[in-house]
């Protein structure tokens, strides 16, 4: 692995880490807890890879159904479930998780940890023969992981701070279902043979708009609470 590839893989991740830290400036999370969440987001790539290998080995689906299975189950479900698992085990019940914005921050950090190792592996495999992969992943794949994490954290925070047990359960379920659907749709569009401008670019624009609204909502709450 060259320093050039490592830098190209990690600089986009670092940029989004800084953006999240700026968004969290009114009530900062402990650096140690953020680092731990990021690190375990990175480490879950090992069990995720094992699970994906097993799922691929037992699947007999081909064609469109195979693409759907790969997009929504092999990639979407396994990766988003494990990212949420990290947050639930490390940050969710920590006293530092004391406002709704925190759910977004921790889930996005876990997602960026996973994106970091995934990006390194992709660039090691493909950059030597196709340097454009570094730009594509910096513009689309890395931010997509963060955006899925924002949706996850938004609903995880609603589940933590709601008072109605039924709604808490609904929010908790949405904190997995919605990121899986977004992740699966992202992969599915890339896997089928349609022009990117017809579906992929509009979907990416939707992801940014949808998730920035959620981030801004909890950011404003955090600013009002901590001024």
C-alpha atoms as a PDB file:
ATOM      1  CA  UNK A   1       0.000   0.000   0.000  1.00  0.00           C
ATOM      2  CA  UNK A   2       1.484   3.347  -0.999  1.00  0.00           C
ATOM      3  CA  UNK A   3       1.125   6.524   1.021  1.00  0.00           C
ATOM      4  CA  UNK A   4      -0.656   8.061  -1.964  1.00  0.00           C
ATOM      5  CA  UNK A   5      -3.424   5.451  -1.946  1.00  0.00           C
ATOM      6  CA  UNK A   6      -3.798   5.657   1.819  1.00  0.00           C
ATOM      7  CA  UNK A   7      -4.082   9.442   1.662  1.00  0.00           C
ATOM      8  CA  UNK A   8      -6.620   9.373  -1.153  1.00  0.00           C
ATOM      9  CA  UNK A   9      -8.698   6.849   0.796  1.00  0.00           C
ATOM     10  CA  UNK A  10      -8.672   8.631   4.153  1.00  0.00           C
ATOM     11  CA  UNK A  11      -8.774  12.337   3.273  1.00  0.00           C
ATOM     12  CA  UNK A  12     -12.514  12.254   2.338  1.00  0.00           C
ATOM     13  CA  UNK A  13     -13.256  10.490   5.629  1.00  0.00           C
ATOM     14  CA  UNK A  14     -11.286  13.113   7.550  1.00  0.00           C
ATOM     15  CA  UNK A  15     -13.195  15.920   5.818  1.00  0.00           C
ATOM     16  CA  UNK A  16     -16.546  14.557   6.946  1.00  0.00           C
ATOM     17  CA  UNK A  17     -15.254  13.890  10.465  1.00  0.00           C
ATOM     18  CA  UNK A  18     -14.354  17.588  10.699  1.00  0.00           C
ATOM     19  CA  UNK A  19     -17.780  18.602   9.376  1.00  0.00           C
ATOM     20  CA  UNK A  20     -19.465  16.501  12.061  1.00  0.00           C
ATOM     21  CA  UNK A  21     -17.257  17.961  14.779  1.00  0.00           C
ATOM     22  CA  UNK A  22     -18.224  21.463  13.658  1.00  0.00           C
ATOM     23  CA  UNK A  23     -21.909  20.505  13.762  1.00  0.00           C
ATOM     24  CA  UNK A  24     -21.427  19.158  17.307  1.00  0.00           C
ATOM     25  CA  UNK A  25     -19.591  22.230  18.617  1.00  0.00           C
ATOM     26  CA  UNK A  26     -22.290  23.393  21.050  1.00  0.00           C
ATOM     27  CA  UNK A  27     -22.084  20.261  23.227  1.00  0.00           C
ATOM     28  CA  UNK A  28     -19.037  18.282  22.168  1.00  0.00           C
ATOM     29  CA  UNK A  29     -18.871  14.530  22.628  1.00  0.00           C
ATOM     30  CA  UNK A  30     -15.875  13.032  24.456  1.00  0.00           C
ATOM     31  CA  UNK A  31     -13.025  12.565  21.987  1.00  0.00           C
ATOM     32  CA  UNK A  32     -12.240   9.144  23.443  1.00  0.00           C
ATOM     33  CA  UNK A  33     -15.819   7.929  22.903  1.00  0.00           C
ATOM     34  CA  UNK A  34     -15.898   9.281  19.351  1.00  0.00           C
ATOM     35  CA  UNK A  35     -12.584   7.611  18.582  1.00  0.00           C
ATOM     36  CA  UNK A  36     -13.814   4.328  20.040  1.00  0.00           C
ATOM     37  CA  UNK A  37     -17.000   4.481  17.975  1.00  0.00           C
ATOM     38  CA  UNK A  38     -14.994   5.219  14.832  1.00  0.00           C
ATOM     39  CA  UNK A  39     -12.504   2.439  15.567  1.00  0.00           C
ATOM     40  CA  UNK A  40     -15.176  -0.186  16.132  1.00  0.00           C
ATOM     41  CA  UNK A  41     -16.997   1.032  13.030  1.00  0.00           C
ATOM     42  CA  UNK A  42     -13.774   0.168  11.233  1.00  0.00           C
ATOM     43  CA  UNK A  43     -13.333  -3.180  12.981  1.00  0.00           C
ATOM     44  CA  UNK A  44     -16.832  -4.436  12.182  1.00  0.00           C
ATOM     45  CA  UNK A  45     -15.655  -4.749   8.593  1.00  0.00           C
ATOM     46  CA  UNK A  46     -14.238  -8.140   9.624  1.00  0.00           C
ATOM     47  CA  UNK A  47     -17.517  -9.762  10.763  1.00  0.00           C
ATOM     48  CA  UNK A  48     -19.355  -7.965   7.955  1.00  0.00           C
ATOM     49  CA  UNK A  49     -17.022  -9.529   5.395  1.00  0.00           C
ATOM     50  CA  UNK A  50     -17.485 -12.983   6.944  1.00  0.00           C
ATOM     51  CA  UNK A  51     -21.271 -12.651   6.939  1.00  0.00           C
ATOM     52  CA  UNK A  52     -21.265 -11.414   3.343  1.00  0.00           C
ATOM     53  CA  UNK A  53     -19.120 -14.343   2.219  1.00  0.00           C
ATOM     54  CA  UNK A  54     -21.543 -16.757   3.916  1.00  0.00           C
ATOM     55  CA  UNK A  55     -24.598 -15.071   2.390  1.00  0.00           C
ATOM     56  CA  UNK A  56     -23.043 -15.158  -1.066  1.00  0.00           C
ATOM     57  CA  UNK A  57     -22.148 -18.824  -0.661  1.00  0.00           C
ATOM     58  CA  UNK A  58     -25.712 -19.875   0.194  1.00  0.00           C
ATOM     59  CA  UNK A  59     -27.522 -17.657  -2.298  1.00  0.00           C
ATOM     60  CA  UNK A  60     -28.625 -19.169  -5.575  1.00  0.00           C
ATOM     61  CA  UNK A  61     -30.307 -15.984  -6.794  1.00  0.00           C
ATOM     62  CA  UNK A  62     -29.315 -14.588 -10.170  1.00  0.00           C
ATOM     63  CA  UNK A  63     -30.360 -11.761 -12.453  1.00  0.00           C
ATOM     64  CA  UNK A  64     -32.542  -9.019 -10.991  1.00  0.00           C
ATOM     65  CA  UNK A  65     -33.300 -10.979  -7.817  1.00  0.00           C
ATOM     66  CA  UNK A  66     -29.603 -11.548  -7.315  1.00  0.00           C
ATOM     67  CA  UNK A  67     -28.932  -7.814  -7.610  1.00  0.00           C
ATOM     68  CA  UNK A  68     -31.706  -7.053  -5.120  1.00  0.00           C
ATOM     69  CA  UNK A  69     -30.303  -9.629  -2.692  1.00  0.00           C
ATOM     70  CA  UNK A  70     -26.780  -8.236  -3.050  1.00  0.00           C
ATOM     71  CA  UNK A  71     -27.902  -4.634  -2.692  1.00  0.00           C
ATOM     72  CA  UNK A  72     -30.394  -4.825   0.150  1.00  0.00           C
ATOM     73  CA  UNK A  73     -29.298  -7.882   2.144  1.00  0.00           C
ATOM     74  CA  UNK A  74     -25.614  -8.592   1.542  1.00  0.00           C
ATOM     75  CA  UNK A  75     -24.609  -4.922   1.537  1.00  0.00           C
ATOM     76  CA  UNK A  76     -27.462  -2.905   3.045  1.00  0.00           C
ATOM     77  CA  UNK A  77     -28.655  -5.079   5.908  1.00  0.00           C
ATOM     78  CA  UNK A  78     -25.356  -6.542   7.050  1.00  0.00           C
ATOM     79  CA  UNK A  79     -23.449  -3.250   7.000  1.00  0.00           C
ATOM     80  CA  UNK A  80     -26.147  -1.033   8.510  1.00  0.00           C
ATOM     81  CA  UNK A  81     -27.039  -3.589  11.187  1.00  0.00           C
ATOM     82  CA  UNK A  82     -23.436  -3.836  12.310  1.00  0.00           C
ATOM     83  CA  UNK A  83     -22.920  -0.065  12.313  1.00  0.00           C
ATOM     84  CA  UNK A  84     -25.965   0.338  14.551  1.00  0.00           C
ATOM     85  CA  UNK A  85     -24.738  -2.526  16.732  1.00  0.00           C
ATOM     86  CA  UNK A  86     -21.534  -0.571  17.386  1.00  0.00           C
ATOM     87  CA  UNK A  87     -23.443   2.536  18.458  1.00  0.00           C
ATOM     88  CA  UNK A  88     -25.843   0.574  20.651  1.00  0.00           C
ATOM     89  CA  UNK A  89     -23.006  -1.178  22.449  1.00  0.00           C
ATOM     90  CA  UNK A  90     -20.595   1.750  22.795  1.00  0.00           C
ATOM     91  CA  UNK A  91     -22.467   5.043  22.873  1.00  0.00           C
ATOM     92  CA  UNK A  92     -26.243   4.649  23.157  1.00  0.00           C
ATOM     93  CA  UNK A  93     -26.352   4.185  26.939  1.00  0.00           C
ATOM     94  CA  UNK A  94     -23.315   6.335  27.701  1.00  0.00           C
ATOM     95  CA  UNK A  95     -24.080   9.464  29.802  1.00  0.00           C
ATOM     96  CA  UNK A  96     -22.413  11.545  27.088  1.00  0.00           C
ATOM     97  CA  UNK A  97     -25.319  10.680  24.775  1.00  0.00           C
ATOM     98  CA  UNK A  98     -27.439  13.441  26.284  1.00  0.00           C
ATOM     99  CA  UNK A  99     -29.170  15.141  23.347  1.00  0.00           C
ATOM    100  CA  UNK A 100     -30.729  14.149  20.040  1.00  0.00           C
ATOM    101  CA  UNK A 101     -27.861  15.406  17.881  1.00  0.00           C
ATOM    102  CA  UNK A 102     -25.610  12.837  19.567  1.00  0.00           C
ATOM    103  CA  UNK A 103     -27.365   9.955  17.840  1.00  0.00           C
ATOM    104  CA  UNK A 104     -26.463  11.420  14.466  1.00  0.00           C
ATOM    105  CA  UNK A 105     -22.870  12.110  15.507  1.00  0.00           C
ATOM    106  CA  UNK A 106     -22.179   8.628  16.871  1.00  0.00           C
ATOM    107  CA  UNK A 107     -23.902   6.784  14.024  1.00  0.00           C
ATOM    108  CA  UNK A 108     -22.099   8.903  11.446  1.00  0.00           C
ATOM    109  CA  UNK A 109     -18.761   8.260  13.168  1.00  0.00           C
ATOM    110  CA  UNK A 110     -19.388   4.491  13.129  1.00  0.00           C
ATOM    111  CA  UNK A 111     -20.352   4.759   9.458  1.00  0.00           C
ATOM    112  CA  UNK A 112     -17.223   6.738   8.602  1.00  0.00           C
ATOM    113  CA  UNK A 113     -15.065   4.203  10.421  1.00  0.00           C
ATOM    114  CA  UNK A 114     -16.519   1.515   8.207  1.00  0.00           C
ATOM    115  CA  UNK A 115     -16.173   3.747   5.127  1.00  0.00           C
ATOM    116  CA  UNK A 116     -12.497   4.318   5.934  1.00  0.00           C
ATOM    117  CA  UNK A 117     -11.479   0.671   5.762  1.00  0.00           C
ATOM    118  CA  UNK A 118     -13.797  -0.005   2.827  1.00  0.00           C
ATOM    119  CA  UNK A 119     -12.277   2.895   0.915  1.00  0.00           C
ATOM    120  CA  UNK A 120      -8.736   1.735   1.606  1.00  0.00           C
ATOM    121  CA  UNK A 121      -9.542  -1.767   0.366  1.00  0.00           C
ATOM    122  CA  UNK A 122     -11.283  -0.483  -2.771  1.00  0.00           C
ATOM    123  CA  UNK A 123      -8.416   1.799  -3.698  1.00  0.00           C
ATOM    124  CA  UNK A 124      -5.822  -0.905  -3.111  1.00  0.00           C
ATOM    125  CA  UNK A 125      -7.770  -3.164  -5.472  1.00  0.00           C
ATOM    126  CA  UNK A 126      -8.820  -0.731  -8.204  1.00  0.00           C
ATOM    127  CA  UNK A 127      -6.826   2.512  -8.076  1.00  0.00           C
ATOM    128  CA  UNK A 128      -3.704   1.155  -9.859  1.00  0.00           C
ATOM    129  CA  UNK A 129      -5.763   0.325 -12.960  1.00  0.00           C
ATOM    130  CA  UNK A 130      -8.497   2.973 -12.608  1.00  0.00           C
ATOM    131  CA  UNK A 131      -7.444   6.125 -10.713  1.00  0.00           C
ATOM    132  CA  UNK A 132     -10.904   7.643 -11.194  1.00  0.00           C
ATOM    133  CA  UNK A 133     -12.220   5.289  -8.511  1.00  0.00           C
ATOM    134  CA  UNK A 134     -10.648   7.547  -5.862  1.00  0.00           C
ATOM    135  CA  UNK A 135     -12.686  10.551  -7.026  1.00  0.00           C
ATOM    136  CA  UNK A 136     -15.890   8.548  -7.424  1.00  0.00           C
ATOM    137  CA  UNK A 137     -15.664   7.121  -3.923  1.00  0.00           C
ATOM    138  CA  UNK A 138     -14.723  10.478  -2.384  1.00  0.00           C
ATOM    139  CA  UNK A 139     -17.725  12.170  -3.993  1.00  0.00           C
ATOM    140  CA  UNK A 140     -20.320   9.411  -3.656  1.00  0.00           C
ATOM    141  CA  UNK A 141     -19.464   6.358  -1.549  1.00  0.00           C
ATOM    142  CA  UNK A 142     -17.856   7.911   1.539  1.00  0.00           C
ATOM    143  CA  UNK A 143     -20.508  10.630   1.987  1.00  0.00           C
ATOM    144  CA  UNK A 144     -23.219   8.035   1.334  1.00  0.00           C
ATOM    145  CA  UNK A 145     -22.088   6.035   4.354  1.00  0.00           C
ATOM    146  CA  UNK A 146     -22.220   9.194   6.462  1.00  0.00           C
ATOM    147  CA  UNK A 147     -25.690  10.064   5.147  1.00  0.00           C
ATOM    148  CA  UNK A 148     -27.008   6.589   5.958  1.00  0.00           C
ATOM    149  CA  UNK A 149     -25.568   7.118   9.436  1.00  0.00           C
ATOM    150  CA  UNK A 150     -27.404  10.435   9.811  1.00  0.00           C
ATOM    151  CA  UNK A 151     -30.736   8.759   9.116  1.00  0.00           C
ATOM    152  CA  UNK A 152     -29.855   5.945  11.515  1.00  0.00           C
ATOM    153  CA  UNK A 153     -28.869   8.371  14.257  1.00  0.00           C
ATOM    154  CA  UNK A 154     -31.909  10.567  13.748  1.00  0.00           C
ATOM    155  CA  UNK A 155     -34.331   7.735  14.438  1.00  0.00           C
ATOM    156  CA  UNK A 156     -32.156   6.199  17.137  1.00  0.00           C
ATOM    157  CA  UNK A 157     -32.297   9.500  19.020  1.00  0.00           C
ATOM    158  CA  UNK A 158     -36.058   9.717  18.576  1.00  0.00           C
ATOM    159  CA  UNK A 159     -36.300   6.192  20.005  1.00  0.00           C
ATOM    160  CA  UNK A 160     -34.129   7.139  22.982  1.00  0.00           C
ATOM    161  CA  UNK A 161     -35.972  10.311  23.879  1.00  0.00           C
ATOM    162  CA  UNK A 162     -39.618   9.514  23.096  1.00  0.00           C
ATOM    163  CA  UNK A 163     -42.109   8.818  25.888  1.00  0.00           C
ATOM    164  CA  UNK A 164     -44.520   6.505  24.077  1.00  0.00           C
ATOM    165  CA  UNK A 165     -43.222   2.883  24.153  1.00  0.00           C
ATOM    166  CA  UNK A 166     -44.989   2.031  20.892  1.00  0.00           C
ATOM    167  CA  UNK A 167     -43.471   5.011  19.094  1.00  0.00           C
ATOM    168  CA  UNK A 168     -40.082   4.247  20.652  1.00  0.00           C
ATOM    169  CA  UNK A 169     -40.196   0.804  19.080  1.00  0.00           C
ATOM    170  CA  UNK A 170     -41.264   2.244  15.716  1.00  0.00           C
ATOM    171  CA  UNK A 171     -38.414   4.766  15.759  1.00  0.00           C
ATOM    172  CA  UNK A 172     -35.959   2.067  16.789  1.00  0.00           C
ATOM    173  CA  UNK A 173     -37.040  -0.145  13.890  1.00  0.00           C
ATOM    174  CA  UNK A 174     -36.821   2.784  11.480  1.00  0.00           C
ATOM    175  CA  UNK A 175     -33.248   3.433  12.627  1.00  0.00           C
ATOM    176  CA  UNK A 176     -32.334   0.214  10.805  1.00  0.00           C
ATOM    177  CA  UNK A 177     -34.986  -0.124   8.102  1.00  0.00           C
ATOM    178  CA  UNK A 178     -34.514   3.320   6.554  1.00  0.00           C
ATOM    179  CA  UNK A 179     -30.696   3.179   6.280  1.00  0.00           C
ATOM    180  CA  UNK A 180     -30.952  -0.329   4.813  1.00  0.00           C
ATOM    181  CA  UNK A 181     -33.429   0.894   2.197  1.00  0.00           C
ATOM    182  CA  UNK A 182     -31.237   3.873   1.335  1.00  0.00           C
ATOM    183  CA  UNK A 183     -28.077   1.780   1.179  1.00  0.00           C
ATOM    184  CA  UNK A 184     -29.783  -0.930  -0.856  1.00  0.00           C
ATOM    185  CA  UNK A 185     -31.263   1.561  -3.298  1.00  0.00           C
ATOM    186  CA  UNK A 186     -27.868   3.271  -3.703  1.00  0.00           C
ATOM    187  CA  UNK A 187     -26.215  -0.054  -4.587  1.00  0.00           C
ATOM    188  CA  UNK A 188     -29.138  -1.271  -6.683  1.00  0.00           C
ATOM    189  CA  UNK A 189     -29.146   1.796  -8.941  1.00  0.00           C
ATOM    190  CA  UNK A 190     -25.419   1.384  -9.546  1.00  0.00           C
ATOM    191  CA  UNK A 191     -25.860  -2.303 -10.355  1.00  0.00           C
ATOM    192  CA  UNK A 192     -28.516  -1.992 -13.040  1.00  0.00           C
ATOM    193  CA  UNK A 193     -27.882  -0.728 -16.535  1.00  0.00           C
ATOM    194  CA  UNK A 194     -29.462   2.737 -16.590  1.00  0.00           C
ATOM    195  CA  UNK A 195     -27.838   6.145 -17.196  1.00  0.00           C
ATOM    196  CA  UNK A 196     -26.539   7.617 -13.932  1.00  0.00           C
ATOM    197  CA  UNK A 197     -28.196  10.981 -14.542  1.00  0.00           C
ATOM    198  CA  UNK A 198     -31.645   9.388 -14.730  1.00  0.00           C
ATOM    199  CA  UNK A 199     -31.634   7.785 -11.289  1.00  0.00           C
ATOM    200  CA  UNK A 200     -28.355   7.779  -9.393  1.00  0.00           C
ATOM    201  CA  UNK A 201     -27.601  11.512  -9.352  1.00  0.00           C
ATOM    202  CA  UNK A 202     -31.194  12.456  -8.408  1.00  0.00           C
ATOM    203  CA  UNK A 203     -31.098   9.835  -5.655  1.00  0.00           C
ATOM    204  CA  UNK A 204     -27.831  11.216  -4.281  1.00  0.00           C
ATOM    205  CA  UNK A 205     -29.315  14.730  -4.303  1.00  0.00           C
ATOM    206  CA  UNK A 206     -32.326  13.358  -2.401  1.00  0.00           C
ATOM    207  CA  UNK A 207     -30.017  11.718   0.164  1.00  0.00           C
ATOM    208  CA  UNK A 208     -28.249  15.012   0.832  1.00  0.00           C
ATOM    209  CA  UNK A 209     -31.468  17.031   1.049  1.00  0.00           C
ATOM    210  CA  UNK A 210     -33.258  14.477   3.243  1.00  0.00           C
ATOM    211  CA  UNK A 211     -30.381  14.022   5.672  1.00  0.00           C
ATOM    212  CA  UNK A 212     -29.237  17.641   5.893  1.00  0.00           C
ATOM    213  CA  UNK A 213     -32.760  18.555   6.998  1.00  0.00           C
ATOM    214  CA  UNK A 214     -32.457  16.019   9.820  1.00  0.00           C
ATOM    215  CA  UNK A 215     -28.981  17.149  10.802  1.00  0.00           C
ATOM    216  CA  UNK A 216     -30.014  20.812  10.771  1.00  0.00           C
ATOM    217  CA  UNK A 217     -33.075  20.098  12.888  1.00  0.00           C
ATOM    218  CA  UNK A 218     -31.075  18.506  15.700  1.00  0.00           C
ATOM    219  CA  UNK A 219     -28.241  21.029  15.249  1.00  0.00           C
ATOM    220  CA  UNK A 220     -30.667  23.878  15.909  1.00  0.00           C
ATOM    221  CA  UNK A 221     -32.013  22.059  18.967  1.00  0.00           C
ATOM    222  CA  UNK A 222     -28.478  21.554  20.262  1.00  0.00           C
ATOM    223  CA  UNK A 223     -27.601  25.221  19.720  1.00  0.00           C
ATOM    224  CA  UNK A 224     -30.774  26.385  21.520  1.00  0.00           C
ATOM    225  CA  UNK A 225     -30.164  24.035  24.467  1.00  0.00           C
ATOM    226  CA  UNK A 226     -26.504  24.920  24.948  1.00  0.00           C
ATOM    227  CA  UNK A 227     -26.320  28.662  24.380  1.00  0.00           C
END
